[in-house]
Amino acid sequence: MLVTFFISRAKDHRHEGEWRGKVQSDLTYIRESQSRIDENLKIIQPISDRLTKTEAGTKAAHRRLDEITARITAIENKAMTATASDTRI
Protein backbone atom coordinates (compact mmCIF):
# COMPACT_ATOMS: atom_id res chain seq x y z
CA MET A 1 0.00 0.00 0.00
CA LEU A 2 2.86 2.38 0.75
CA VAL A 3 4.41 1.53 -2.61
CA THR A 4 1.12 2.41 -4.38
CA PHE A 5 1.08 5.76 -2.59
CA PHE A 6 4.60 6.63 -3.79
CA ILE A 7 3.89 5.48 -7.36
CA SER A 8 0.70 7.54 -7.46
CA ARG A 9 2.52 10.53 -5.99
CA ALA A 10 5.27 10.27 -8.60
CA LYS A 11 2.66 10.19 -11.39
CA ASP A 12 0.96 13.26 -9.92
CA HIS A 13 4.27 15.15 -9.85
CA ARG A 14 5.01 14.13 -13.43
CA HIS A 15 1.58 15.29 -14.63
CA GLU A 16 1.95 18.55 -12.74
CA GLY A 17 5.36 19.09 -14.30
CA GLU A 18 3.97 18.40 -17.78
CA TRP A 19 1.09 20.81 -17.14
CA ARG A 20 3.43 23.54 -15.88
CA GLY A 21 5.70 23.04 -18.89
CA LYS A 22 2.75 23.36 -21.27
CA VAL A 23 1.48 26.49 -19.53
CA GLN A 24 4.98 28.01 -19.59
CA SER A 25 5.31 27.21 -23.29
CA ASP A 26 1.89 28.76 -24.03
CA LEU A 27 2.80 31.91 -22.09
CA THR A 28 6.06 32.23 -24.00
CA TYR A 29 4.18 31.88 -27.30
CA ILE A 30 1.67 34.55 -26.23
CA ARG A 31 4.48 36.97 -25.26
CA GLU A 32 6.26 36.42 -28.57
CA SER A 33 3.00 36.92 -30.48
CA GLN A 34 2.33 40.15 -28.59
CA SER A 35 5.82 41.39 -29.49
CA ARG A 36 5.20 40.66 -33.19
CA ILE A 37 1.84 42.45 -33.03
CA ASP A 38 3.46 45.49 -31.40
CA GLU A 39 6.13 45.60 -34.11
CA ASN A 40 3.48 45.41 -36.84
CA LEU A 41 1.48 48.20 -35.22
CA LYS A 42 4.56 50.44 -35.22
CA ILE A 43 4.74 49.92 -38.99
CA ILE A 44 1.00 50.28 -39.65
CA GLN A 45 0.26 53.31 -37.44
CA PRO A 46 2.04 55.94 -39.59
CA ILE A 47 0.37 54.53 -42.70
CA SER A 48 -3.00 54.69 -40.97
CA ASP A 49 -2.39 58.31 -39.97
CA ARG A 50 -1.47 59.25 -43.55
CA LEU A 51 -4.56 57.48 -44.88
CA THR A 52 -6.79 59.37 -42.45
CA LYS A 53 -5.32 62.71 -43.56
CA THR A 54 -5.72 61.76 -47.21
CA GLU A 55 -9.35 60.79 -46.68
CA ALA A 56 -10.04 64.12 -44.96
CA GLY A 57 -8.42 66.00 -47.85
CA THR A 58 -10.44 64.00 -50.38
CA LYS A 59 -13.65 64.76 -48.51
CA ALA A 60 -12.86 68.49 -48.53
CA ALA A 61 -12.07 68.37 -52.26
CA HIS A 62 -15.38 66.64 -52.99
CA ARG A 63 -17.19 69.30 -50.97
CA ARG A 64 -15.51 72.06 -53.02
CA LEU A 65 -16.34 70.26 -56.28
CA ASP A 66 -19.98 69.97 -55.21
CA GLU A 67 -20.06 73.71 -54.52
CA ILE A 68 -18.53 74.51 -57.93
CA THR A 69 -20.98 72.16 -59.66
CA ALA A 70 -23.90 73.85 -57.90
CA ARG A 71 -22.65 77.29 -59.01
CA ILE A 72 -22.23 76.14 -62.63
CA THR A 73 -25.71 74.61 -62.61
CA ALA A 74 -27.18 77.84 -61.25
CA ILE A 75 -25.39 79.90 -63.94
CA GLU A 76 -26.56 77.51 -66.68
CA ASN A 77 -30.14 77.66 -65.41
CA LYS A 78 -29.99 81.47 -65.38
CA ALA A 79 -28.62 81.51 -68.92
CA MET A 80 -31.31 79.14 -70.15
CA THR A 81 -34.02 81.23 -68.48
CA ALA A 82 -32.61 84.39 -70.05
CA THR A 83 -32.40 82.75 -73.46
CA ALA A 84 -35.95 81.47 -73.19
CA SER A 85 -37.28 84.91 -72.27
CA ASP A 86 -35.32 86.54 -75.16
CA THR A 87 -36.85 84.21 -77.72
CA ARG A 88 -40.40 85.05 -76.58
CA ILE A 89 -40.04 88.71 -77.40
C-alpha atoms as a PDB file:
ATOM      1  CA  MET A   1       0.000   0.000   0.000  1.00  0.00           C
ATOM      2  CA  LEU A   2       2.859   2.376   0.755  1.00  0.00           C
ATOM      3  CA  VAL A   3       4.414   1.531  -2.608  1.00  0.00           C
ATOM      4  CA  THR A   4       1.124   2.414  -4.376  1.00  0.00           C
ATOM      5  CA  PHE A   5       1.084   5.756  -2.594  1.00  0.00           C
ATOM      6  CA  PHE A   6       4.598   6.627  -3.792  1.00  0.00           C
ATOM      7  CA  ILE A   7       3.886   5.477  -7.364  1.00  0.00           C
ATOM      8  CA  SER A   8       0.702   7.544  -7.459  1.00  0.00           C
ATOM      9  CA  ARG A   9       2.520  10.529  -5.994  1.00  0.00           C
ATOM     10  CA  ALA A  10       5.266  10.267  -8.603  1.00  0.00           C
ATOM     11  CA  LYS A  11       2.660  10.186 -11.392  1.00  0.00           C
ATOM     12  CA  ASP A  12       0.964  13.256  -9.919  1.00  0.00           C
ATOM     13  CA  HIS A  13       4.268  15.154  -9.854  1.00  0.00           C
ATOM     14  CA  ARG A  14       5.013  14.134 -13.433  1.00  0.00           C
ATOM     15  CA  HIS A  15       1.581  15.290 -14.634  1.00  0.00           C
ATOM     16  CA  GLU A  16       1.952  18.550 -12.741  1.00  0.00           C
ATOM     17  CA  GLY A  17       5.364  19.087 -14.297  1.00  0.00           C
ATOM     18  CA  GLU A  18       3.969  18.403 -17.781  1.00  0.00           C
ATOM     19  CA  TRP A  19       1.090  20.812 -17.144  1.00  0.00           C
ATOM     20  CA  ARG A  20       3.429  23.539 -15.881  1.00  0.00           C
ATOM     21  CA  GLY A  21       5.699  23.042 -18.894  1.00  0.00           C
ATOM     22  CA  LYS A  22       2.749  23.364 -21.270  1.00  0.00           C
ATOM     23  CA  VAL A  23       1.482  26.495 -19.526  1.00  0.00           C
ATOM     24  CA  GLN A  24       4.976  28.013 -19.593  1.00  0.00           C
ATOM     25  CA  SER A  25       5.305  27.208 -23.291  1.00  0.00           C
ATOM     26  CA  ASP A  26       1.888  28.756 -24.028  1.00  0.00           C
ATOM     27  CA  LEU A  27       2.798  31.912 -22.091  1.00  0.00           C
ATOM     28  CA  THR A  28       6.064  32.230 -24.003  1.00  0.00           C
ATOM     29  CA  TYR A  29       4.177  31.876 -27.298  1.00  0.00           C
ATOM     30  CA  ILE A  30       1.673  34.555 -26.228  1.00  0.00           C
ATOM     31  CA  ARG A  31       4.480  36.969 -25.262  1.00  0.00           C
ATOM     32  CA  GLU A  32       6.260  36.421 -28.573  1.00  0.00           C
ATOM     33  CA  SER A  33       3.003  36.921 -30.481  1.00  0.00           C
ATOM     34  CA  GLN A  34       2.331  40.146 -28.590  1.00  0.00           C
ATOM     35  CA  SER A  35       5.819  41.395 -29.489  1.00  0.00           C
ATOM     36  CA  ARG A  36       5.197  40.663 -33.186  1.00  0.00           C
ATOM     37  CA  ILE A  37       1.841  42.446 -33.028  1.00  0.00           C
ATOM     38  CA  ASP A  38       3.456  45.490 -31.396  1.00  0.00           C
ATOM     39  CA  GLU A  39       6.128  45.599 -34.112  1.00  0.00           C
ATOM     40  CA  ASN A  40       3.482  45.411 -36.839  1.00  0.00           C
ATOM     41  CA  LEU A  41       1.480  48.197 -35.219  1.00  0.00           C
ATOM     42  CA  LYS A  42       4.556  50.436 -35.225  1.00  0.00           C
ATOM     43  CA  ILE A  43       4.740  49.923 -38.993  1.00  0.00           C
ATOM     44  CA  ILE A  44       1.002  50.275 -39.650  1.00  0.00           C
ATOM     45  CA  GLN A  45       0.265  53.311 -37.443  1.00  0.00           C
ATOM     46  CA  PRO A  46       2.044  55.942 -39.585  1.00  0.00           C
ATOM     47  CA  ILE A  47       0.371  54.532 -42.701  1.00  0.00           C
ATOM     48  CA  SER A  48      -2.998  54.693 -40.975  1.00  0.00           C
ATOM     49  CA  ASP A  49      -2.393  58.313 -39.971  1.00  0.00           C
ATOM     50  CA  ARG A  50      -1.470  59.250 -43.549  1.00  0.00           C
ATOM     51  CA  LEU A  51      -4.562  57.482 -44.879  1.00  0.00           C
ATOM     52  CA  THR A  52      -6.792  59.370 -42.445  1.00  0.00           C
ATOM     53  CA  LYS A  53      -5.321  62.707 -43.556  1.00  0.00           C
ATOM     54  CA  THR A  54      -5.722  61.755 -47.213  1.00  0.00           C
ATOM     55  CA  GLU A  55      -9.345  60.787 -46.682  1.00  0.00           C
ATOM     56  CA  ALA A  56     -10.041  64.120 -44.955  1.00  0.00           C
ATOM     57  CA  GLY A  57      -8.423  65.999 -47.850  1.00  0.00           C
ATOM     58  CA  THR A  58     -10.442  64.004 -50.378  1.00  0.00           C
ATOM     59  CA  LYS A  59     -13.653  64.762 -48.514  1.00  0.00           C
ATOM     60  CA  ALA A  60     -12.864  68.493 -48.529  1.00  0.00           C
ATOM     61  CA  ALA A  61     -12.066  68.368 -52.264  1.00  0.00           C
ATOM     62  CA  HIS A  62     -15.379  66.643 -52.991  1.00  0.00           C
ATOM     63  CA  ARG A  63     -17.186  69.300 -50.974  1.00  0.00           C
ATOM     64  CA  ARG A  64     -15.511  72.056 -53.022  1.00  0.00           C
ATOM     65  CA  LEU A  65     -16.338  70.259 -56.280  1.00  0.00           C
ATOM     66  CA  ASP A  66     -19.979  69.967 -55.212  1.00  0.00           C
ATOM     67  CA  GLU A  67     -20.062  73.714 -54.521  1.00  0.00           C
ATOM     68  CA  ILE A  68     -18.529  74.513 -57.926  1.00  0.00           C
ATOM     69  CA  THR A  69     -20.977  72.158 -59.656  1.00  0.00           C
ATOM     70  CA  ALA A  70     -23.898  73.849 -57.897  1.00  0.00           C
ATOM     71  CA  ARG A  71     -22.654  77.289 -59.014  1.00  0.00           C
ATOM     72  CA  ILE A  72     -22.231  76.136 -62.631  1.00  0.00           C
ATOM     73  CA  THR A  73     -25.708  74.606 -62.615  1.00  0.00           C
ATOM     74  CA  ALA A  74     -27.182  77.845 -61.254  1.00  0.00           C
ATOM     75  CA  ILE A  75     -25.393  79.898 -63.941  1.00  0.00           C
ATOM     76  CA  GLU A  76     -26.564  77.510 -66.684  1.00  0.00           C
ATOM     77  CA  ASN A  77     -30.142  77.661 -65.406  1.00  0.00           C
ATOM     78  CA  LYS A  78     -29.994  81.467 -65.383  1.00  0.00           C
ATOM     79  CA  ALA A  79     -28.622  81.513 -68.921  1.00  0.00           C
ATOM     80  CA  MET A  80     -31.312  79.140 -70.148  1.00  0.00           C
ATOM     81  CA  THR A  81     -34.020  81.226 -68.484  1.00  0.00           C
ATOM     82  CA  ALA A  82     -32.612  84.392 -70.047  1.00  0.00           C
ATOM     83  CA  THR A  83     -32.402  82.752 -73.460  1.00  0.00           C
ATOM     84  CA  ALA A  84     -35.950  81.468 -73.192  1.00  0.00           C
ATOM     85  CA  SER A  85     -37.280  84.912 -72.271  1.00  0.00           C
ATOM     86  CA  ASP A  86     -35.321  86.541 -75.157  1.00  0.00           C
ATOM     87  CA  THR A  87     -36.854  84.206 -77.716  1.00  0.00           C
ATOM     88  CA  ARG A  88     -40.402  85.054 -76.584  1.00  0.00           C
ATOM     89  CA  ILE A  89     -40.042  88.709 -77.396  1.00  0.00           C
END
